[in-house]
Amino acid sequence: MGTPLHEQLLDLARAQGVISAQEVSAHGIPHAILGRLVEKGELLRVARGVYMSPEADITEHHSLVEAAARFPKGVVCLLSALAFHGLSDESPFEVWVAYERGQTCPQVEELPLRLVAFSAASFRYGVTAHRIEGVEVHITSPAKTVADCFKFRGQLGLEPCLAALKDYRQRRAGTLEELLEAARVCRVSNVMKPYLESAWR
């Protein structure tokens, strides 16, 4: 006799920490079981379509986990990626998430997301996978993040870009070569050149 579906679901939530309704369906478990477990307090609903085990260890990066569970094709970027890599002292209220231009984005009202469209080449370059609270979260690398900030300096302002570049250098978050390549992919080589020359004197 197999394991009851509600036990399978609880085991899955314990193993992963956070689980989406889409994943539940993929395991052949009816959504009605989700509702019953939430009513009993055996699962917590943290956002629309996102659930977690009450036993899960919550980290400082929990908002990134929620974003990844709700939008698995997205990539944490810009200010949120800066904070994750320790290249900023500020933790943004919104989770900045990149998506490939032309890709359909989910309607996420419960989570404060800032969705940013990237070109195909830029979206696929410099993405690293991190296991946080049992969930795989895709985040731009330190070098790509800094280059992205210069790319979107019109939205962010120049100050965070320069601060991120300074921290990248001082904290040895990556090499100059990685930064130059990221700048090339993001097409901001000319923009970044004077700041790079100053930082690497």
C-alpha atoms as a PDB file:
ATOM      1  CA  MET A   1       0.000   0.000   0.000  1.00  0.00           C
ATOM      2  CA  GLY A   2       1.435   3.368  -0.991  1.00  0.00           C
ATOM      3  CA  THR A   3       1.980   6.402   1.179  1.00  0.00           C
ATOM      4  CA  PRO A   4      -1.149   8.583   1.509  1.00  0.00           C
ATOM      5  CA  LEU A   5      -1.056  11.628  -0.739  1.00  0.00           C
ATOM      6  CA  HIS A   6      -1.108  14.084   2.145  1.00  0.00           C
ATOM      7  CA  GLU A   7       1.971  12.408   3.647  1.00  0.00           C
ATOM      8  CA  GLN A   8       3.705  12.526   0.274  1.00  0.00           C
ATOM      9  CA  LEU A   9       2.973  16.233   0.067  1.00  0.00           C
ATOM     10  CA  LEU A  10       4.234  16.913   3.593  1.00  0.00           C
ATOM     11  CA  ASP A  11       7.407  14.911   2.915  1.00  0.00           C
ATOM     12  CA  LEU A  12       7.963  16.924  -0.261  1.00  0.00           C
ATOM     13  CA  ALA A  13       7.460  20.224   1.564  1.00  0.00           C
ATOM     14  CA  ARG A  14       9.850  19.169   4.351  1.00  0.00           C
ATOM     15  CA  ALA A  15      12.476  18.134   1.825  1.00  0.00           C
ATOM     16  CA  GLN A  16      12.249  21.311  -0.245  1.00  0.00           C
ATOM     17  CA  GLY A  17      11.194  23.831   2.377  1.00  0.00           C
ATOM     18  CA  VAL A  18       9.038  25.698  -0.149  1.00  0.00           C
ATOM     19  CA  ILE A  19       6.786  24.136  -2.776  1.00  0.00           C
ATOM     20  CA  SER A  20       4.590  25.572  -5.508  1.00  0.00           C
ATOM     21  CA  ALA A  21       1.112  24.448  -6.497  1.00  0.00           C
ATOM     22  CA  GLN A  22       2.549  23.633  -9.929  1.00  0.00           C
ATOM     23  CA  GLU A  23       5.007  21.176  -8.356  1.00  0.00           C
ATOM     24  CA  VAL A  24       2.188  19.591  -6.362  1.00  0.00           C
ATOM     25  CA  SER A  25       0.245  18.978  -9.581  1.00  0.00           C
ATOM     26  CA  ALA A  26       3.363  17.545 -11.232  1.00  0.00           C
ATOM     27  CA  HIS A  27       3.465  14.897  -8.479  1.00  0.00           C
ATOM     28  CA  GLY A  28      -0.146  13.962  -9.126  1.00  0.00           C
ATOM     29  CA  ILE A  29      -1.431  15.363  -5.841  1.00  0.00           C
ATOM     30  CA  PRO A  30      -4.832  17.129  -5.941  1.00  0.00           C
ATOM     31  CA  HIS A  31      -4.861  20.807  -4.926  1.00  0.00           C
ATOM     32  CA  ALA A  32      -7.687  20.082  -2.461  1.00  0.00           C
ATOM     33  CA  ILE A  33      -5.142  18.348  -0.233  1.00  0.00           C
ATOM     34  CA  LEU A  34      -3.127  21.585  -0.106  1.00  0.00           C
ATOM     35  CA  GLY A  35      -6.128  23.463   1.247  1.00  0.00           C
ATOM     36  CA  ARG A  36      -6.828  20.855   3.916  1.00  0.00           C
ATOM     37  CA  LEU A  37      -3.231  20.853   5.129  1.00  0.00           C
ATOM     38  CA  VAL A  38      -3.211  24.655   5.292  1.00  0.00           C
ATOM     39  CA  GLU A  39      -6.430  24.607   7.364  1.00  0.00           C
ATOM     40  CA  LYS A  40      -4.809  22.152   9.779  1.00  0.00           C
ATOM     41  CA  GLY A  41      -1.669  24.290  10.042  1.00  0.00           C
ATOM     42  CA  GLU A  42       0.501  21.511   8.631  1.00  0.00           C
ATOM     43  CA  LEU A  43       1.434  23.740   5.676  1.00  0.00           C
ATOM     44  CA  LEU A  44       1.781  27.519   5.473  1.00  0.00           C
ATOM     45  CA  ARG A  45       0.587  29.517   2.474  1.00  0.00           C
ATOM     46  CA  VAL A  46       3.244  32.212   1.983  1.00  0.00           C
ATOM     47  CA  ALA A  47       1.930  33.562  -1.329  1.00  0.00           C
ATOM     48  CA  ARG A  48      -0.515  32.624  -4.027  1.00  0.00           C
ATOM     49  CA  GLY A  49       0.471  29.169  -5.212  1.00  0.00           C
ATOM     50  CA  VAL A  50       3.459  28.987  -2.832  1.00  0.00           C
ATOM     51  CA  TYR A  51       3.515  26.868   0.323  1.00  0.00           C
ATOM     52  CA  MET A  52       6.086  25.895   2.900  1.00  0.00           C
ATOM     53  CA  SER A  53       6.544  23.537   5.786  1.00  0.00           C
ATOM     54  CA  PRO A  54       6.273  25.133   9.250  1.00  0.00           C
ATOM     55  CA  GLU A  55       9.429  23.173  10.077  1.00  0.00           C
ATOM     56  CA  ALA A  56      11.459  24.830   7.316  1.00  0.00           C
ATOM     57  CA  ASP A  57      14.470  26.915   8.307  1.00  0.00           C
ATOM     58  CA  ILE A  58      13.879  30.501   7.241  1.00  0.00           C
ATOM     59  CA  THR A  59      16.936  32.411   6.028  1.00  0.00           C
ATOM     60  CA  GLU A  60      17.568  36.079   5.317  1.00  0.00           C
ATOM     61  CA  HIS A  61      17.049  35.242   1.634  1.00  0.00           C
ATOM     62  CA  HIS A  62      13.525  33.872   2.061  1.00  0.00           C
ATOM     63  CA  SER A  63      12.007  36.484  -0.260  1.00  0.00           C
ATOM     64  CA  LEU A  64      14.256  35.179  -3.061  1.00  0.00           C
ATOM     65  CA  VAL A  65      12.989  31.660  -2.381  1.00  0.00           C
ATOM     66  CA  GLU A  66       9.375  32.825  -2.631  1.00  0.00           C
ATOM     67  CA  ALA A  67      10.131  34.609  -5.894  1.00  0.00           C
ATOM     68  CA  ALA A  68      11.855  31.535  -7.342  1.00  0.00           C
ATOM     69  CA  ALA A  69       8.985  29.263  -6.320  1.00  0.00           C
ATOM     70  CA  ARG A  70       6.449  31.596  -7.936  1.00  0.00           C
ATOM     71  CA  PHE A  71       8.528  32.411 -11.030  1.00  0.00           C
ATOM     72  CA  PRO A  72      11.029  29.543 -11.567  1.00  0.00           C
ATOM     73  CA  LYS A  73      12.072  30.823 -15.012  1.00  0.00           C
ATOM     74  CA  GLY A  74      13.112  34.190 -13.592  1.00  0.00           C
ATOM     75  CA  VAL A  75      16.590  35.217 -12.470  1.00  0.00           C
ATOM     76  CA  VAL A  76      17.237  37.343  -9.383  1.00  0.00           C
ATOM     77  CA  CYS A  77      19.121  40.411 -10.583  1.00  0.00           C
ATOM     78  CA  LEU A  78      20.186  44.019  -9.986  1.00  0.00           C
ATOM     79  CA  LEU A  79      19.599  45.344  -6.443  1.00  0.00           C
ATOM     80  CA  SER A  80      18.456  41.966  -5.065  1.00  0.00           C
ATOM     81  CA  ALA A  81      21.487  40.203  -6.536  1.00  0.00           C
ATOM     82  CA  LEU A  82      23.772  42.936  -5.152  1.00  0.00           C
ATOM     83  CA  ALA A  83      22.386  42.326  -1.667  1.00  0.00           C
ATOM     84  CA  PHE A  84      22.735  38.549  -2.022  1.00  0.00           C
ATOM     85  CA  HIS A  85      26.392  38.815  -3.064  1.00  0.00           C
ATOM     86  CA  GLY A  86      27.190  41.312  -0.318  1.00  0.00           C
ATOM     87  CA  LEU A  87      27.800  44.121  -2.799  1.00  0.00           C
ATOM     88  CA  SER A  88      25.284  46.417  -1.139  1.00  0.00           C
ATOM     89  CA  ASP A  89      24.416  47.255   2.456  1.00  0.00           C
ATOM     90  CA  GLU A  90      20.774  47.766   1.524  1.00  0.00           C
ATOM     91  CA  SER A  91      18.163  45.043   1.206  1.00  0.00           C
ATOM     92  CA  PRO A  92      15.534  46.146  -1.326  1.00  0.00           C
ATOM     93  CA  PHE A  93      11.867  45.850  -0.431  1.00  0.00           C
ATOM     94  CA  GLU A  94      11.114  44.392  -3.851  1.00  0.00           C
ATOM     95  CA  VAL A  95      12.765  41.317  -5.329  1.00  0.00           C
ATOM     96  CA  TRP A  96      14.289  42.302  -8.665  1.00  0.00           C
ATOM     97  CA  VAL A  97      13.758  39.496 -11.173  1.00  0.00           C
ATOM     98  CA  ALA A  98      14.946  39.340 -14.777  1.00  0.00           C
ATOM     99  CA  TYR A  99      12.977  37.604 -17.492  1.00  0.00           C
ATOM    100  CA  GLU A 100      13.751  37.040 -21.149  1.00  0.00           C
ATOM    101  CA  ARG A 101      12.125  39.624 -23.382  1.00  0.00           C
ATOM    102  CA  GLY A 102       9.072  38.065 -25.052  1.00  0.00           C
ATOM    103  CA  GLN A 103       8.617  35.497 -22.299  1.00  0.00           C
ATOM    104  CA  THR A 104       5.238  35.305 -20.560  1.00  0.00           C
ATOM    105  CA  CYS A 105       5.415  36.481 -16.958  1.00  0.00           C
ATOM    106  CA  PRO A 106       3.116  35.276 -14.193  1.00  0.00           C
ATOM    107  CA  GLN A 107       0.818  37.755 -12.482  1.00  0.00           C
ATOM    108  CA  VAL A 108       2.298  37.930  -9.002  1.00  0.00           C
ATOM    109  CA  GLU A 109       0.319  40.269  -6.791  1.00  0.00           C
ATOM    110  CA  GLU A 110       1.185  38.841  -3.366  1.00  0.00           C
ATOM    111  CA  LEU A 111       4.947  39.221  -3.724  1.00  0.00           C
ATOM    112  CA  PRO A 112       6.641  42.589  -4.224  1.00  0.00           C
ATOM    113  CA  LEU A 113       8.491  41.784  -7.456  1.00  0.00           C
ATOM    114  CA  ARG A 114      10.191  44.200  -9.834  1.00  0.00           C
ATOM    115  CA  LEU A 115      10.279  42.434 -13.196  1.00  0.00           C
ATOM    116  CA  VAL A 116      12.914  43.570 -15.696  1.00  0.00           C
ATOM    117  CA  ALA A 117      13.112  42.461 -19.349  1.00  0.00           C
ATOM    118  CA  PHE A 118      16.544  41.307 -20.563  1.00  0.00           C
ATOM    119  CA  SER A 119      17.612  40.452 -24.098  1.00  0.00           C
ATOM    120  CA  ALA A 120      18.098  36.732 -24.765  1.00  0.00           C
ATOM    121  CA  ALA A 121      21.903  36.951 -24.704  1.00  0.00           C
ATOM    122  CA  SER A 122      21.981  39.026 -21.535  1.00  0.00           C
ATOM    123  CA  PHE A 123      19.353  36.906 -19.798  1.00  0.00           C
ATOM    124  CA  ARG A 124      21.255  33.658 -20.335  1.00  0.00           C
ATOM    125  CA  TYR A 125      24.711  34.954 -19.481  1.00  0.00           C
ATOM    126  CA  GLY A 126      26.254  34.915 -16.005  1.00  0.00           C
ATOM    127  CA  VAL A 127      23.505  33.011 -14.182  1.00  0.00           C
ATOM    128  CA  THR A 128      24.446  30.945 -11.131  1.00  0.00           C
ATOM    129  CA  ALA A 129      22.235  28.460  -9.268  1.00  0.00           C
ATOM    130  CA  HIS A 130      22.071  28.560  -5.475  1.00  0.00           C
ATOM    131  CA  ARG A 131      20.273  26.124  -3.184  1.00  0.00           C
ATOM    132  CA  ILE A 132      18.425  28.205  -0.578  1.00  0.00           C
ATOM    133  CA  GLU A 133      15.971  26.633   1.869  1.00  0.00           C
ATOM    134  CA  GLY A 134      15.945  23.580  -0.375  1.00  0.00           C
ATOM    135  CA  VAL A 135      14.910  25.601  -3.446  1.00  0.00           C
ATOM    136  CA  GLU A 136      17.096  26.241  -6.481  1.00  0.00           C
ATOM    137  CA  VAL A 137      17.301  30.003  -6.981  1.00  0.00           C
ATOM    138  CA  HIS A 138      18.902  31.466 -10.107  1.00  0.00           C
ATOM    139  CA  ILE A 139      20.891  34.641  -9.473  1.00  0.00           C
ATOM    140  CA  THR A 140      23.152  36.720 -11.698  1.00  0.00           C
ATOM    141  CA  SER A 141      26.852  36.364 -10.871  1.00  0.00           C
ATOM    142  CA  PRO A 142      28.657  39.239  -9.122  1.00  0.00           C
ATOM    143  CA  ALA A 143      30.294  40.456 -12.352  1.00  0.00           C
ATOM    144  CA  LYS A 144      27.065  40.217 -14.352  1.00  0.00           C
ATOM    145  CA  THR A 145      25.162  41.986 -11.585  1.00  0.00           C
ATOM    146  CA  VAL A 146      27.529  44.956 -11.591  1.00  0.00           C
ATOM    147  CA  ALA A 147      27.378  45.211 -15.393  1.00  0.00           C
ATOM    148  CA  ASP A 148      23.575  44.966 -15.273  1.00  0.00           C
ATOM    149  CA  CYS A 149      23.470  47.869 -12.834  1.00  0.00           C
ATOM    150  CA  PHE A 150      25.343  50.061 -15.312  1.00  0.00           C
ATOM    151  CA  LYS A 151      23.009  48.824 -18.049  1.00  0.00           C
ATOM    152  CA  PHE A 152      20.001  49.949 -16.018  1.00  0.00           C
ATOM    153  CA  ARG A 153      21.630  53.020 -14.472  1.00  0.00           C
ATOM    154  CA  GLY A 154      18.725  55.076 -15.784  1.00  0.00           C
ATOM    155  CA  GLN A 155      16.416  53.262 -13.356  1.00  0.00           C
ATOM    156  CA  LEU A 156      18.851  52.803 -10.493  1.00  0.00           C
ATOM    157  CA  GLY A 157      20.908  55.957 -10.641  1.00  0.00           C
ATOM    158  CA  LEU A 158      24.693  56.017 -10.969  1.00  0.00           C
ATOM    159  CA  GLU A 159      25.465  55.970  -7.245  1.00  0.00           C
ATOM    160  CA  PRO A 160      24.492  52.311  -6.598  1.00  0.00           C
ATOM    161  CA  CYS A 161      26.477  51.300  -9.694  1.00  0.00           C
ATOM    162  CA  LEU A 162      29.654  52.963  -8.465  1.00  0.00           C
ATOM    163  CA  ALA A 163      29.181  51.596  -4.945  1.00  0.00           C
ATOM    164  CA  ALA A 164      28.701  48.081  -6.337  1.00  0.00           C
ATOM    165  CA  LEU A 165      31.820  48.397  -8.483  1.00  0.00           C
ATOM    166  CA  LYS A 166      33.830  49.561  -5.472  1.00  0.00           C
ATOM    167  CA  ASP A 167      32.602  46.657  -3.322  1.00  0.00           C
ATOM    168  CA  TYR A 168      33.240  44.193  -6.161  1.00  0.00           C
ATOM    169  CA  ARG A 169      36.856  45.327  -6.236  1.00  0.00           C
ATOM    170  CA  GLN A 170      37.407  45.566  -2.475  1.00  0.00           C
ATOM    171  CA  ARG A 171      35.668  42.302  -1.586  1.00  0.00           C
ATOM    172  CA  ARG A 172      37.225  40.419  -4.487  1.00  0.00           C
ATOM    173  CA  ALA A 173      33.840  39.199  -5.644  1.00  0.00           C
ATOM    174  CA  GLY A 174      35.290  38.363  -9.055  1.00  0.00           C
ATOM    175  CA  THR A 175      38.033  39.208 -11.507  1.00  0.00           C
ATOM    176  CA  LEU A 176      38.474  42.179 -13.779  1.00  0.00           C
ATOM    177  CA  GLU A 177      38.303  39.817 -16.754  1.00  0.00           C
ATOM    178  CA  GLU A 178      34.880  38.547 -15.648  1.00  0.00           C
ATOM    179  CA  LEU A 179      33.667  42.114 -15.299  1.00  0.00           C
ATOM    180  CA  LEU A 180      34.968  43.093 -18.737  1.00  0.00           C
ATOM    181  CA  GLU A 181      33.215  40.129 -20.346  1.00  0.00           C
ATOM    182  CA  ALA A 182      29.966  40.894 -18.527  1.00  0.00           C
ATOM    183  CA  ALA A 183      30.222  44.524 -19.653  1.00  0.00           C
ATOM    184  CA  ARG A 184      30.689  43.327 -23.250  1.00  0.00           C
ATOM    185  CA  VAL A 185      27.612  41.081 -23.089  1.00  0.00           C
ATOM    186  CA  CYS A 186      25.557  43.898 -21.547  1.00  0.00           C
ATOM    187  CA  ARG A 187      26.935  46.368 -24.107  1.00  0.00           C
ATOM    188  CA  VAL A 188      28.158  48.816 -21.490  1.00  0.00           C
ATOM    189  CA  SER A 189      31.910  48.486 -22.079  1.00  0.00           C
ATOM    190  CA  ASN A 190      32.305  52.128 -23.106  1.00  0.00           C
ATOM    191  CA  VAL A 191      30.124  53.326 -20.240  1.00  0.00           C
ATOM    192  CA  MET A 192      32.072  51.358 -17.639  1.00  0.00           C
ATOM    193  CA  LYS A 193      35.567  51.903 -19.068  1.00  0.00           C
ATOM    194  CA  PRO A 194      36.451  55.148 -17.202  1.00  0.00           C
ATOM    195  CA  TYR A 195      35.117  53.781 -13.906  1.00  0.00           C
ATOM    196  CA  LEU A 196      37.016  50.510 -14.342  1.00  0.00           C
ATOM    197  CA  GLU A 197      40.237  52.363 -15.104  1.00  0.00           C
ATOM    198  CA  SER A 198      39.786  54.401 -11.940  1.00  0.00           C
ATOM    199  CA  ALA A 199      38.909  51.411  -9.747  1.00  0.00           C
ATOM    200  CA  TRP A 200      41.813  49.233 -10.981  1.00  0.00           C
ATOM    201  CA  ARG A 201      44.588  51.798 -10.804  1.00  0.00           C
END
